[in-house]
Amino acid sequence: MSSTFRIRRVALALTAAAVLPLSLSACSDDGGGKDGASGKKSSAARDDASKDASADGAKSADEPFGPACASVPQNGAGSFDGMAKDPVATAASHNPALSTLVTAVKKAGLGDTLNNAKDITVFAPTNDAFAKIPKADLDQVLSDKAQLTSILTYHVVGKRLAPADLADGSFPTLEKGRIRTSGTGESYKVNGSADVVCGNVRTANANVYIIDTVLMPKK
């Protein structure tokens, strides 16, 4: 093999050795660019997922809560969607668990007053709550319009209350007294004795918290 030929082979080998790292570097740069784009896409996807999770959290925070909510009809005027379309007294009339309250409201002549009120909160006792009152006492209250009106308006606050407002609150009622609320999450009490069994129920003009005990104003 001639010396000239050997020199050419060595020159070619050196050239290849020099070009190979450059080629690998170029491939690495291309790969890095693609990976960078993927990283940006992944980051954007995570941001979108985070936004969706936040939206879901906000949505769930607006939903009714509590064990008694399970008994509310899924469809129709008595459902949560149906009640949201009607003013509060009308909405309550579609809920079988509030039939005694509805009767009391009618006897007191407060239906129109509650339906025409703007942005109120109603703590609505269930039928079982009224059943805790001895029948003779309940019949007496239902026949005394002034006393009945006092009791019912004691359950109404003149503004909409969100669940967070109930954590440690004291609110004036339409009866001119005050009610106290306490709790956290999905567990709240009113005046230390009544439990909220289905809270944050929306009607056209009110937020409703269904409770398991009738509240009595101070005499």
N, C-alpha and C. Protein backbone atom coordinates (compact mmCIF):
# COMPACT_ATOMS: atom_id res chain seq x y z
N MET A 1 0.88 -1.18 0.00
CA MET A 1 0.00 0.00 0.00
C MET A 1 0.92 1.23 0.00
N SER A 2 0.60 2.17 -0.94
CA SER A 2 1.46 3.35 -1.06
C SER A 2 1.25 4.28 0.11
N SER A 3 2.26 5.08 0.37
CA SER A 3 2.17 6.04 1.48
C SER A 3 1.10 7.09 1.23
N THR A 4 0.92 7.43 -0.05
CA THR A 4 -0.13 8.42 -0.39
C THR A 4 -1.50 7.89 -0.04
N PHE A 5 -1.76 6.59 -0.34
CA PHE A 5 -3.05 5.97 -0.05
C PHE A 5 -3.32 5.92 1.46
N ARG A 6 -2.20 5.54 2.24
CA ARG A 6 -2.36 5.49 3.69
C ARG A 6 -2.69 6.86 4.27
N ILE A 7 -2.07 7.89 3.72
CA ILE A 7 -2.33 9.26 4.21
C ILE A 7 -3.78 9.65 3.97
N ARG A 8 -4.29 9.25 2.78
CA ARG A 8 -5.70 9.58 2.46
C ARG A 8 -6.66 8.87 3.43
N ARG A 9 -6.39 7.59 3.75
CA ARG A 9 -7.26 6.84 4.67
C ARG A 9 -7.26 7.48 6.05
N VAL A 10 -6.07 7.90 6.49
CA VAL A 10 -5.99 8.55 7.81
C VAL A 10 -6.77 9.85 7.81
N ALA A 11 -6.66 10.60 6.70
CA ALA A 11 -7.38 11.88 6.60
C ALA A 11 -8.88 11.65 6.64
N LEU A 12 -9.35 10.63 5.92
CA LEU A 12 -10.80 10.33 5.93
C LEU A 12 -11.27 9.92 7.31
N ALA A 13 -10.47 9.12 8.00
CA ALA A 13 -10.84 8.68 9.35
C ALA A 13 -10.95 9.85 10.30
N LEU A 14 -10.00 10.74 10.21
CA LEU A 14 -10.03 11.92 11.07
C LEU A 14 -11.24 12.80 10.78
N THR A 15 -11.57 12.94 9.49
CA THR A 15 -12.74 13.75 9.11
C THR A 15 -14.02 13.13 9.66
N ALA A 16 -14.14 11.82 9.52
CA ALA A 16 -15.33 11.13 10.05
C ALA A 16 -15.43 11.28 11.55
N ALA A 17 -14.29 11.17 12.22
CA ALA A 17 -14.28 11.31 13.68
C ALA A 17 -14.70 12.70 14.10
N ALA A 18 -14.37 13.68 13.29
CA ALA A 18 -14.74 15.07 13.62
C ALA A 18 -16.21 15.32 13.35
N VAL A 19 -16.73 14.72 12.27
CA VAL A 19 -18.12 14.96 11.88
C VAL A 19 -19.09 14.24 12.79
N LEU A 20 -18.74 13.03 13.29
CA LEU A 20 -19.65 12.22 14.09
C LEU A 20 -20.15 12.95 15.33
N PRO A 21 -19.31 13.58 16.15
CA PRO A 21 -19.82 14.31 17.32
C PRO A 21 -20.77 15.43 16.95
N LEU A 22 -20.44 16.10 15.79
CA LEU A 22 -21.32 17.19 15.35
C LEU A 22 -22.69 16.65 14.99
N SER A 23 -22.73 15.48 14.34
CA SER A 23 -24.02 14.87 13.95
C SER A 23 -24.80 14.47 15.18
N LEU A 24 -24.11 13.87 16.16
CA LEU A 24 -24.79 13.47 17.38
C LEU A 24 -25.31 14.68 18.13
N SER A 25 -24.51 15.74 18.13
CA SER A 25 -24.94 16.97 18.79
C SER A 25 -26.17 17.53 18.13
N ALA A 26 -26.21 17.51 16.79
CA ALA A 26 -27.37 18.01 16.06
C ALA A 26 -28.60 17.18 16.38
N CYS A 27 -28.43 15.85 16.43
CA CYS A 27 -29.56 14.98 16.78
C CYS A 27 -30.05 15.27 18.17
N SER A 28 -29.07 15.48 19.08
CA SER A 28 -29.44 15.79 20.46
C SER A 28 -30.21 17.08 20.53
N ASP A 29 -29.78 18.10 19.76
CA ASP A 29 -30.49 19.38 19.76
C ASP A 29 -31.89 19.23 19.23
N ASP A 30 -32.04 18.44 18.15
CA ASP A 30 -33.38 18.22 17.59
C ASP A 30 -34.26 17.54 18.59
N GLY A 31 -33.70 16.51 19.23
CA GLY A 31 -34.47 15.77 20.23
C GLY A 31 -34.86 16.67 21.37
N GLY A 32 -33.89 17.52 21.81
CA GLY A 32 -34.18 18.43 22.90
C GLY A 32 -35.28 19.38 22.54
N GLY A 33 -35.30 19.84 21.27
CA GLY A 33 -36.35 20.76 20.84
C GLY A 33 -37.70 20.10 20.90
N LYS A 34 -37.74 18.83 20.44
CA LYS A 34 -39.01 18.11 20.49
C LYS A 34 -39.45 17.89 21.92
N ASP A 35 -38.44 17.50 22.76
CA ASP A 35 -38.77 17.27 24.16
C ASP A 35 -39.24 18.56 24.80
N GLY A 36 -38.62 19.68 24.41
CA GLY A 36 -39.04 20.96 24.97
C GLY A 36 -40.46 21.28 24.60
N ALA A 37 -40.81 21.00 23.31
CA ALA A 37 -42.19 21.23 22.88
C ALA A 37 -43.14 20.34 23.64
N SER A 38 -42.71 19.07 23.84
CA SER A 38 -43.57 18.15 24.60
C SER A 38 -43.74 18.63 26.03
N GLY A 39 -42.61 19.16 26.59
CA GLY A 39 -42.68 19.68 27.95
C GLY A 39 -43.66 20.82 28.05
N LYS A 40 -43.61 21.71 27.01
CA LYS A 40 -44.55 22.84 27.02
C LYS A 40 -45.99 22.35 26.92
N LYS A 41 -46.19 21.32 26.04
CA LYS A 41 -47.53 20.77 25.90
C LYS A 41 -47.99 20.14 27.21
N SER A 42 -47.07 19.39 27.85
CA SER A 42 -47.42 18.75 29.12
C SER A 42 -47.75 19.79 30.17
N SER A 43 -46.95 20.87 30.20
CA SER A 43 -47.21 21.93 31.17
C SER A 43 -48.56 22.57 30.92
N ALA A 44 -48.85 22.80 29.61
CA ALA A 44 -50.15 23.39 29.27
C ALA A 44 -51.28 22.46 29.66
N ALA A 45 -51.07 21.15 29.44
CA ALA A 45 -52.11 20.18 29.81
C ALA A 45 -52.34 20.19 31.30
N ARG A 46 -51.23 20.27 32.08
CA ARG A 46 -51.37 20.31 33.53
C ARG A 46 -52.12 21.56 33.97
N ASP A 47 -51.79 22.70 33.31
CA ASP A 47 -52.48 23.95 33.64
C ASP A 47 -53.98 23.83 33.36
N ASP A 48 -54.30 23.21 32.18
CA ASP A 48 -55.72 23.05 31.83
C ASP A 48 -56.42 22.14 32.83
N ALA A 49 -55.72 21.06 33.23
CA ALA A 49 -56.31 20.14 34.21
C ALA A 49 -56.53 20.84 35.53
N SER A 50 -55.56 21.69 35.89
CA SER A 50 -55.68 22.43 37.15
C SER A 50 -56.88 23.37 37.10
N LYS A 51 -57.05 24.02 35.93
CA LYS A 51 -58.20 24.92 35.78
C LYS A 51 -59.51 24.15 35.87
N ASP A 52 -59.52 22.95 35.20
CA ASP A 52 -60.73 22.14 35.25
C ASP A 52 -61.03 21.71 36.67
N ALA A 53 -59.98 21.33 37.41
CA ALA A 53 -60.18 20.90 38.79
C ALA A 53 -60.71 22.05 39.63
N SER A 54 -60.17 23.24 39.38
CA SER A 54 -60.64 24.41 40.12
C SER A 54 -62.10 24.68 39.80
N ALA A 55 -62.44 24.54 38.51
CA ALA A 55 -63.83 24.77 38.11
C ALA A 55 -64.75 23.77 38.77
N ASP A 56 -64.31 22.49 38.80
CA ASP A 56 -65.12 21.45 39.44
C ASP A 56 -65.27 21.75 40.92
N GLY A 57 -64.19 22.22 41.57
CA GLY A 57 -64.26 22.54 42.98
C GLY A 57 -65.23 23.64 43.25
N ALA A 58 -65.22 24.69 42.36
CA ALA A 58 -66.13 25.81 42.53
C ALA A 58 -67.57 25.34 42.35
N LYS A 59 -67.74 24.44 41.37
CA LYS A 59 -69.08 23.94 41.12
C LYS A 59 -69.59 23.15 42.31
N SER A 60 -68.74 22.26 42.86
CA SER A 60 -69.19 21.42 43.96
C SER A 60 -69.50 22.25 45.19
N ALA A 61 -68.77 23.36 45.33
CA ALA A 61 -69.00 24.22 46.49
C ALA A 61 -70.38 24.86 46.45
N ASP A 62 -70.96 24.97 45.25
CA ASP A 62 -72.28 25.58 45.10
C ASP A 62 -73.41 24.56 45.23
N GLU A 63 -73.09 23.30 45.35
CA GLU A 63 -74.12 22.27 45.36
C GLU A 63 -74.68 22.05 46.77
N PRO A 64 -75.93 21.60 46.85
CA PRO A 64 -76.51 21.26 48.16
C PRO A 64 -75.73 20.14 48.83
N PHE A 65 -75.76 20.11 50.15
CA PHE A 65 -75.03 19.09 50.89
C PHE A 65 -75.83 18.67 52.12
N GLY A 66 -75.55 17.47 52.62
CA GLY A 66 -76.19 16.99 53.83
C GLY A 66 -76.96 15.70 53.58
N PRO A 67 -77.17 14.89 54.62
CA PRO A 67 -77.80 13.58 54.46
C PRO A 67 -79.23 13.62 53.94
N ALA A 68 -79.97 14.66 54.30
CA ALA A 68 -81.37 14.72 53.87
C ALA A 68 -81.52 15.11 52.40
N CYS A 69 -80.43 15.56 51.78
CA CYS A 69 -80.51 15.94 50.36
C CYS A 69 -80.81 14.72 49.48
N ALA A 70 -80.46 13.52 49.98
CA ALA A 70 -80.68 12.31 49.19
C ALA A 70 -82.16 12.04 48.96
N SER A 71 -83.03 12.58 49.82
CA SER A 71 -84.47 12.32 49.68
C SER A 71 -85.16 13.31 48.74
N VAL A 72 -84.42 14.30 48.29
CA VAL A 72 -85.01 15.29 47.37
C VAL A 72 -85.19 14.65 46.00
N PRO A 73 -86.34 14.83 45.35
CA PRO A 73 -86.57 14.23 44.04
C PRO A 73 -85.49 14.64 43.03
N GLN A 74 -85.17 13.73 42.11
CA GLN A 74 -84.16 14.01 41.10
C GLN A 74 -84.68 14.92 40.00
N ASN A 75 -85.99 14.87 39.76
CA ASN A 75 -86.56 15.64 38.66
C ASN A 75 -87.85 16.32 39.11
N GLY A 76 -88.30 17.26 38.32
CA GLY A 76 -89.57 17.93 38.59
C GLY A 76 -89.43 19.16 39.47
N ALA A 77 -90.57 19.73 39.83
CA ALA A 77 -90.59 20.97 40.59
C ALA A 77 -89.96 20.84 41.96
N GLY A 78 -89.97 19.62 42.53
CA GLY A 78 -89.40 19.41 43.86
C GLY A 78 -87.93 19.09 43.86
N SER A 79 -87.32 18.99 42.68
CA SER A 79 -85.88 18.74 42.59
C SER A 79 -85.11 20.02 42.86
N PHE A 80 -83.81 19.91 43.02
CA PHE A 80 -83.01 21.11 43.26
C PHE A 80 -83.10 22.08 42.09
N ASP A 81 -83.06 21.54 40.87
CA ASP A 81 -83.18 22.41 39.69
C ASP A 81 -84.56 23.06 39.63
N GLY A 82 -85.58 22.27 39.98
CA GLY A 82 -86.94 22.82 39.96
C GLY A 82 -87.14 23.90 41.00
N MET A 83 -86.63 23.66 42.21
CA MET A 83 -86.77 24.64 43.29
C MET A 83 -86.05 25.95 42.97
N ALA A 84 -84.95 25.84 42.23
CA ALA A 84 -84.17 27.03 41.89
C ALA A 84 -84.95 28.00 41.00
N LYS A 85 -86.00 27.51 40.35
CA LYS A 85 -86.78 28.34 39.45
C LYS A 85 -87.92 29.07 40.15
N ASP A 86 -88.29 28.63 41.35
CA ASP A 86 -89.46 29.19 42.05
C ASP A 86 -89.03 30.02 43.25
N PRO A 87 -89.84 31.01 43.66
CA PRO A 87 -89.57 31.72 44.92
C PRO A 87 -89.75 30.76 46.08
N VAL A 88 -89.22 31.12 47.23
CA VAL A 88 -88.98 30.15 48.30
C VAL A 88 -90.24 29.46 48.83
N ALA A 89 -91.33 30.19 49.06
CA ALA A 89 -92.53 29.54 49.60
C ALA A 89 -93.11 28.55 48.61
N THR A 90 -93.09 28.93 47.33
CA THR A 90 -93.58 28.02 46.29
C THR A 90 -92.66 26.81 46.16
N ALA A 91 -91.36 27.04 46.19
CA ALA A 91 -90.40 25.94 46.10
C ALA A 91 -90.58 24.96 47.25
N ALA A 92 -90.77 25.46 48.46
CA ALA A 92 -90.96 24.60 49.63
C ALA A 92 -92.21 23.74 49.50
N SER A 93 -93.22 24.28 48.85
CA SER A 93 -94.49 23.53 48.71
C SER A 93 -94.33 22.29 47.84
N HIS A 94 -93.25 22.22 47.07
CA HIS A 94 -93.00 21.05 46.22
C HIS A 94 -92.16 19.99 46.92
N ASN A 95 -91.72 20.28 48.16
CA ASN A 95 -90.88 19.35 48.90
C ASN A 95 -91.72 18.67 49.99
N PRO A 96 -92.01 17.38 49.86
CA PRO A 96 -92.87 16.68 50.83
C PRO A 96 -92.36 16.76 52.27
N ALA A 97 -91.05 16.87 52.46
CA ALA A 97 -90.48 16.90 53.81
C ALA A 97 -90.74 18.22 54.52
N LEU A 98 -91.26 19.22 53.78
CA LEU A 98 -91.52 20.54 54.35
C LEU A 98 -93.01 20.88 54.40
N SER A 99 -93.85 19.86 54.33
CA SER A 99 -95.30 20.12 54.23
C SER A 99 -95.85 20.79 55.49
N THR A 100 -95.35 20.45 56.67
CA THR A 100 -95.84 21.10 57.90
C THR A 100 -95.43 22.58 57.90
N LEU A 101 -94.22 22.86 57.48
CA LEU A 101 -93.76 24.25 57.37
C LEU A 101 -94.63 25.02 56.40
N VAL A 102 -94.94 24.43 55.29
CA VAL A 102 -95.77 25.09 54.28
C VAL A 102 -97.15 25.39 54.85
N THR A 103 -97.72 24.43 55.60
CA THR A 103 -99.01 24.66 56.25
C THR A 103 -98.94 25.83 57.22
N ALA A 104 -97.85 25.87 58.00
CA ALA A 104 -97.67 26.95 58.98
C ALA A 104 -97.54 28.30 58.28
N VAL A 105 -96.81 28.33 57.19
CA VAL A 105 -96.64 29.58 56.43
C VAL A 105 -97.99 30.07 55.90
N LYS A 106 -98.79 29.15 55.41
CA LYS A 106 -100.13 29.53 54.91
C LYS A 106 -101.01 30.06 56.04
N LYS A 107 -100.98 29.39 57.19
CA LYS A 107 -101.80 29.83 58.32
C LYS A 107 -101.39 31.23 58.80
N ALA A 108 -100.09 31.52 58.70
CA ALA A 108 -99.60 32.83 59.13
C ALA A 108 -99.77 33.89 58.04
N GLY A 109 -100.15 33.46 56.86
CA GLY A 109 -100.32 34.41 55.75
C GLY A 109 -99.00 34.99 55.26
N LEU A 110 -97.93 34.20 55.33
CA LEU A 110 -96.60 34.70 54.98
C LEU A 110 -96.12 34.26 53.59
N GLY A 111 -96.96 33.53 52.87
CA GLY A 111 -96.53 33.02 51.57
C GLY A 111 -96.08 34.11 50.62
N ASP A 112 -96.90 35.13 50.43
CA ASP A 112 -96.55 36.21 49.52
C ASP A 112 -95.36 37.01 50.04
N THR A 113 -95.30 37.20 51.35
CA THR A 113 -94.18 37.94 51.93
C THR A 113 -92.85 37.26 51.62
N LEU A 114 -92.81 35.95 51.80
CA LEU A 114 -91.58 35.22 51.53
C LEU A 114 -91.28 35.15 50.04
N ASN A 115 -92.29 34.96 49.23
CA ASN A 115 -92.08 34.87 47.79
C ASN A 115 -91.60 36.19 47.18
N ASN A 116 -92.03 37.29 47.75
CA ASN A 116 -91.69 38.61 47.19
C ASN A 116 -90.42 39.22 47.80
N ALA A 117 -89.88 38.57 48.83
CA ALA A 117 -88.66 39.09 49.46
C ALA A 117 -87.47 38.92 48.50
N LYS A 118 -86.50 39.79 48.67
CA LYS A 118 -85.31 39.74 47.81
C LYS A 118 -84.11 39.21 48.59
N ASP A 119 -83.47 38.20 48.03
CA ASP A 119 -82.20 37.69 48.57
C ASP A 119 -82.25 37.45 50.08
N ILE A 120 -82.93 36.41 50.47
CA ILE A 120 -83.05 36.06 51.89
C ILE A 120 -82.48 34.66 52.12
N THR A 121 -82.36 34.30 53.38
CA THR A 121 -81.99 32.94 53.77
C THR A 121 -83.08 32.40 54.69
N VAL A 122 -83.52 31.19 54.41
CA VAL A 122 -84.56 30.56 55.22
C VAL A 122 -84.00 29.28 55.83
N PHE A 123 -84.11 29.19 57.14
CA PHE A 123 -83.80 27.95 57.85
C PHE A 123 -85.12 27.20 58.00
N ALA A 124 -85.26 26.15 57.22
CA ALA A 124 -86.55 25.49 57.06
C ALA A 124 -86.64 24.19 57.85
N PRO A 125 -87.46 24.16 58.91
CA PRO A 125 -87.60 22.92 59.70
C PRO A 125 -88.36 21.84 58.92
N THR A 126 -87.91 20.62 59.04
CA THR A 126 -88.58 19.50 58.40
C THR A 126 -89.85 19.12 59.17
N ASN A 127 -90.63 18.23 58.57
CA ASN A 127 -91.80 17.69 59.27
C ASN A 127 -91.39 17.03 60.58
N ASP A 128 -90.26 16.32 60.56
CA ASP A 128 -89.79 15.64 61.77
C ASP A 128 -89.41 16.67 62.85
N ALA A 129 -88.94 17.83 62.42
CA ALA A 129 -88.61 18.88 63.39
C ALA A 129 -89.87 19.35 64.11
N PHE A 130 -90.93 19.56 63.36
CA PHE A 130 -92.20 19.97 63.98
C PHE A 130 -92.77 18.86 64.85
N ALA A 131 -92.49 17.61 64.46
CA ALA A 131 -93.02 16.47 65.23
C ALA A 131 -92.37 16.36 66.60
N LYS A 132 -91.23 17.01 66.81
CA LYS A 132 -90.59 17.01 68.13
C LYS A 132 -91.40 17.84 69.14
N ILE A 133 -92.22 18.76 68.63
CA ILE A 133 -93.05 19.59 69.51
C ILE A 133 -94.30 18.79 69.90
N PRO A 134 -94.62 18.71 71.17
CA PRO A 134 -95.85 18.00 71.58
C PRO A 134 -97.05 18.49 70.77
N LYS A 135 -97.90 17.56 70.36
CA LYS A 135 -99.01 17.89 69.46
C LYS A 135 -99.89 19.00 70.01
N ALA A 136 -100.19 18.97 71.29
CA ALA A 136 -101.05 20.01 71.87
C ALA A 136 -100.40 21.38 71.75
N ASP A 137 -99.10 21.44 71.98
CA ASP A 137 -98.38 22.71 71.87
C ASP A 137 -98.33 23.18 70.42
N LEU A 138 -98.09 22.25 69.51
CA LEU A 138 -98.02 22.61 68.10
C LEU A 138 -99.37 23.11 67.60
N ASP A 139 -100.44 22.42 67.98
CA ASP A 139 -101.78 22.87 67.57
C ASP A 139 -102.07 24.27 68.10
N GLN A 140 -101.62 24.55 69.31
CA GLN A 140 -101.83 25.86 69.90
C GLN A 140 -101.08 26.94 69.11
N VAL A 141 -99.85 26.62 68.75
CA VAL A 141 -99.04 27.58 67.98
C VAL A 141 -99.67 27.82 66.61
N LEU A 142 -100.11 26.75 65.96
CA LEU A 142 -100.69 26.89 64.63
C LEU A 142 -102.00 27.69 64.64
N SER A 143 -102.65 27.73 65.77
CA SER A 143 -103.91 28.49 65.87
C SER A 143 -103.70 29.92 66.36
N ASP A 144 -102.47 30.26 66.73
CA ASP A 144 -102.17 31.61 67.23
C ASP A 144 -101.32 32.32 66.16
N LYS A 145 -101.96 33.11 65.32
CA LYS A 145 -101.28 33.70 64.17
C LYS A 145 -100.10 34.58 64.58
N ALA A 146 -100.26 35.36 65.63
CA ALA A 146 -99.17 36.26 66.06
C ALA A 146 -97.95 35.46 66.50
N GLN A 147 -98.18 34.44 67.32
CA GLN A 147 -97.06 33.62 67.79
C GLN A 147 -96.43 32.84 66.65
N LEU A 148 -97.29 32.32 65.76
CA LEU A 148 -96.80 31.56 64.62
C LEU A 148 -95.94 32.44 63.71
N THR A 149 -96.39 33.66 63.48
CA THR A 149 -95.64 34.60 62.65
C THR A 149 -94.28 34.92 63.27
N SER A 150 -94.27 35.09 64.58
CA SER A 150 -93.02 35.35 65.29
C SER A 150 -92.04 34.21 65.12
N ILE A 151 -92.53 32.98 65.27
CA ILE A 151 -91.65 31.81 65.15
C ILE A 151 -91.12 31.66 63.72
N LEU A 152 -92.02 31.81 62.75
CA LEU A 152 -91.60 31.60 61.36
C LEU A 152 -90.63 32.68 60.88
N THR A 153 -90.88 33.92 61.24
CA THR A 153 -89.98 34.99 60.78
C THR A 153 -88.63 34.94 61.51
N TYR A 154 -88.59 34.23 62.65
CA TYR A 154 -87.32 34.03 63.34
C TYR A 154 -86.41 33.11 62.53
N HIS A 155 -86.96 32.36 61.60
CA HIS A 155 -86.20 31.45 60.76
C HIS A 155 -85.69 32.12 59.48
N VAL A 156 -85.89 33.42 59.34
CA VAL A 156 -85.55 34.11 58.09
C VAL A 156 -84.52 35.21 58.34
N VAL A 157 -83.45 35.19 57.57
CA VAL A 157 -82.41 36.22 57.62
C VAL A 157 -82.51 37.04 56.34
N GLY A 158 -82.33 38.34 56.47
CA GLY A 158 -82.57 39.25 55.34
C GLY A 158 -81.47 39.34 54.31
N LYS A 159 -80.68 38.34 54.14
CA LYS A 159 -79.67 38.29 53.06
C LYS A 159 -79.33 36.84 52.78
N ARG A 160 -78.76 36.60 51.62
CA ARG A 160 -78.36 35.24 51.27
C ARG A 160 -77.08 34.88 52.01
N LEU A 161 -77.08 33.73 52.67
CA LEU A 161 -75.92 33.25 53.40
C LEU A 161 -75.34 32.04 52.68
N ALA A 162 -74.04 32.10 52.38
CA ALA A 162 -73.33 30.96 51.82
C ALA A 162 -72.89 30.05 52.96
N PRO A 163 -72.57 28.79 52.68
CA PRO A 163 -72.12 27.89 53.76
C PRO A 163 -70.97 28.46 54.57
N ALA A 164 -70.02 29.12 53.92
CA ALA A 164 -68.87 29.68 54.64
C ALA A 164 -69.30 30.73 55.67
N ASP A 165 -70.43 31.39 55.41
CA ASP A 165 -70.91 32.41 56.34
C ASP A 165 -71.38 31.80 57.66
N LEU A 166 -71.71 30.51 57.63
CA LEU A 166 -72.27 29.85 58.81
C LEU A 166 -71.21 29.37 59.79
N ALA A 167 -69.93 29.45 59.40
CA ALA A 167 -68.86 28.88 60.22
C ALA A 167 -68.89 29.42 61.65
N ASP A 168 -69.07 30.70 61.80
CA ASP A 168 -69.15 31.31 63.13
C ASP A 168 -69.90 32.63 62.97
N GLY A 169 -71.23 32.52 62.89
CA GLY A 169 -72.02 33.70 62.55
C GLY A 169 -73.10 34.04 63.55
N SER A 170 -73.51 35.28 63.49
CA SER A 170 -74.65 35.77 64.28
C SER A 170 -75.41 36.73 63.38
N PHE A 171 -76.68 36.43 63.13
CA PHE A 171 -77.42 37.17 62.12
C PHE A 171 -78.78 37.65 62.65
N PRO A 172 -79.14 38.89 62.32
CA PRO A 172 -80.47 39.37 62.70
C PRO A 172 -81.54 38.71 61.83
N THR A 173 -82.69 38.42 62.42
CA THR A 173 -83.77 37.77 61.69
C THR A 173 -84.90 38.77 61.44
N LEU A 174 -85.83 38.37 60.60
CA LEU A 174 -86.98 39.24 60.33
C LEU A 174 -87.85 39.43 61.57
N GLU A 175 -87.71 38.53 62.52
CA GLU A 175 -88.47 38.63 63.77
C GLU A 175 -87.83 39.65 64.73
N LYS A 176 -86.64 40.17 64.32
CA LYS A 176 -85.87 41.16 65.10
C LYS A 176 -84.98 40.51 66.16
N GLY A 177 -84.99 39.19 66.23
CA GLY A 177 -84.05 38.51 67.12
C GLY A 177 -82.78 38.18 66.36
N ARG A 178 -81.96 37.31 66.92
CA ARG A 178 -80.72 36.89 66.26
C ARG A 178 -80.59 35.38 66.36
N ILE A 179 -79.99 34.82 65.32
CA ILE A 179 -79.65 33.40 65.38
C ILE A 179 -78.13 33.26 65.27
N ARG A 180 -77.61 32.19 65.85
CA ARG A 180 -76.18 31.93 65.83
C ARG A 180 -75.93 30.64 65.04
N THR A 181 -74.89 30.66 64.27
CA THR A 181 -74.53 29.48 63.49
C THR A 181 -73.07 29.12 63.74
N SER A 182 -72.78 27.83 63.60
CA SER A 182 -71.40 27.37 63.78
C SER A 182 -71.20 26.09 62.99
N GLY A 183 -69.95 25.78 62.70
CA GLY A 183 -69.65 24.54 62.01
C GLY A 183 -68.60 24.73 60.94
N THR A 184 -68.42 23.69 60.15
CA THR A 184 -67.42 23.73 59.07
C THR A 184 -67.74 22.64 58.06
N GLY A 185 -67.19 22.79 56.86
CA GLY A 185 -67.38 21.78 55.83
C GLY A 185 -68.83 21.59 55.46
N GLU A 186 -69.38 20.43 55.80
CA GLU A 186 -70.79 20.15 55.54
C GLU A 186 -71.54 19.85 56.83
N SER A 187 -71.02 20.33 57.95
CA SER A 187 -71.65 20.10 59.25
C SER A 187 -71.84 21.43 59.97
N TYR A 188 -73.10 21.84 60.11
CA TYR A 188 -73.41 23.14 60.73
C TYR A 188 -74.56 23.00 61.72
N LYS A 189 -74.51 23.84 62.75
CA LYS A 189 -75.58 23.92 63.73
C LYS A 189 -76.12 25.35 63.77
N VAL A 190 -77.39 25.45 64.14
CA VAL A 190 -78.04 26.74 64.32
C VAL A 190 -78.51 26.82 65.77
N ASN A 191 -78.12 27.89 66.45
CA ASN A 191 -78.43 28.08 67.88
C ASN A 191 -77.96 26.91 68.75
N GLY A 192 -76.96 26.19 68.27
CA GLY A 192 -76.37 25.12 69.05
C GLY A 192 -77.22 23.87 69.18
N SER A 193 -78.42 23.87 68.60
CA SER A 193 -79.32 22.72 68.78
C SER A 193 -79.84 22.13 67.47
N ALA A 194 -80.01 22.94 66.46
CA ALA A 194 -80.56 22.45 65.20
C ALA A 194 -79.43 22.12 64.22
N ASP A 195 -79.48 20.93 63.66
CA ASP A 195 -78.49 20.53 62.65
C ASP A 195 -79.01 20.85 61.25
N VAL A 196 -78.13 21.34 60.41
CA VAL A 196 -78.46 21.51 59.00
C VAL A 196 -78.37 20.13 58.34
N VAL A 197 -79.51 19.63 57.86
CA VAL A 197 -79.53 18.28 57.27
C VAL A 197 -79.51 18.31 55.75
N CYS A 198 -79.78 19.46 55.17
CA CYS A 198 -79.63 19.64 53.72
C CYS A 198 -79.41 21.13 53.50
N GLY A 199 -78.19 21.50 53.19
CA GLY A 199 -77.86 22.92 53.13
C GLY A 199 -77.57 23.42 51.73
N ASN A 200 -77.58 24.74 51.61
CA ASN A 200 -77.25 25.43 50.36
C ASN A 200 -78.20 25.07 49.22
N VAL A 201 -79.48 24.97 49.54
CA VAL A 201 -80.51 24.74 48.53
C VAL A 201 -80.92 26.09 47.96
N ARG A 202 -80.86 26.23 46.66
CA ARG A 202 -81.16 27.52 46.02
C ARG A 202 -82.61 27.58 45.55
N THR A 203 -83.24 28.71 45.79
CA THR A 203 -84.52 29.02 45.15
C THR A 203 -84.32 30.34 44.42
N ALA A 204 -85.37 30.80 43.74
CA ALA A 204 -85.23 32.00 42.92
C ALA A 204 -84.86 33.22 43.74
N ASN A 205 -85.27 33.27 45.00
CA ASN A 205 -85.00 34.47 45.80
C ASN A 205 -84.36 34.18 47.16
N ALA A 206 -83.95 32.93 47.38
CA ALA A 206 -83.45 32.60 48.73
C ALA A 206 -82.46 31.44 48.69
N ASN A 207 -81.61 31.41 49.70
CA ASN A 207 -80.83 30.22 50.03
C ASN A 207 -81.53 29.53 51.19
N VAL A 208 -81.69 28.24 51.10
CA VAL A 208 -82.43 27.49 52.11
C VAL A 208 -81.52 26.48 52.79
N TYR A 209 -81.60 26.44 54.11
CA TYR A 209 -80.90 25.42 54.90
C TYR A 209 -81.97 24.65 55.68
N ILE A 210 -82.16 23.41 55.31
CA ILE A 210 -83.18 22.58 55.95
C ILE A 210 -82.61 22.05 57.27
N ILE A 211 -83.36 22.24 58.36
CA ILE A 211 -82.87 21.91 59.70
C ILE A 211 -83.79 20.90 60.39
N ASP A 212 -83.24 20.25 61.42
CA ASP A 212 -83.98 19.15 62.06
C ASP A 212 -84.67 19.55 63.36
N THR A 213 -84.67 20.85 63.69
CA THR A 213 -85.30 21.34 64.92
C THR A 213 -85.90 22.72 64.66
N VAL A 214 -87.10 22.95 65.23
CA VAL A 214 -87.72 24.26 65.09
C VAL A 214 -87.02 25.24 66.04
N LEU A 215 -86.66 26.41 65.52
CA LEU A 215 -86.00 27.44 66.32
C LEU A 215 -87.05 28.27 67.05
N MET A 216 -86.80 28.56 68.30
CA MET A 216 -87.74 29.34 69.08
C MET A 216 -87.12 30.69 69.48
N PRO A 217 -87.77 31.79 69.11
CA PRO A 217 -87.24 33.10 69.51
C PRO A 217 -87.37 33.32 71.00
N LYS A 218 -86.49 34.16 71.53
CA LYS A 218 -86.56 34.48 72.94
C LYS A 218 -87.80 35.34 73.19
N LYS A 219 -88.48 35.09 74.29
CA LYS A 219 -89.69 35.85 74.61
C LYS A 219 -89.32 37.22 75.18
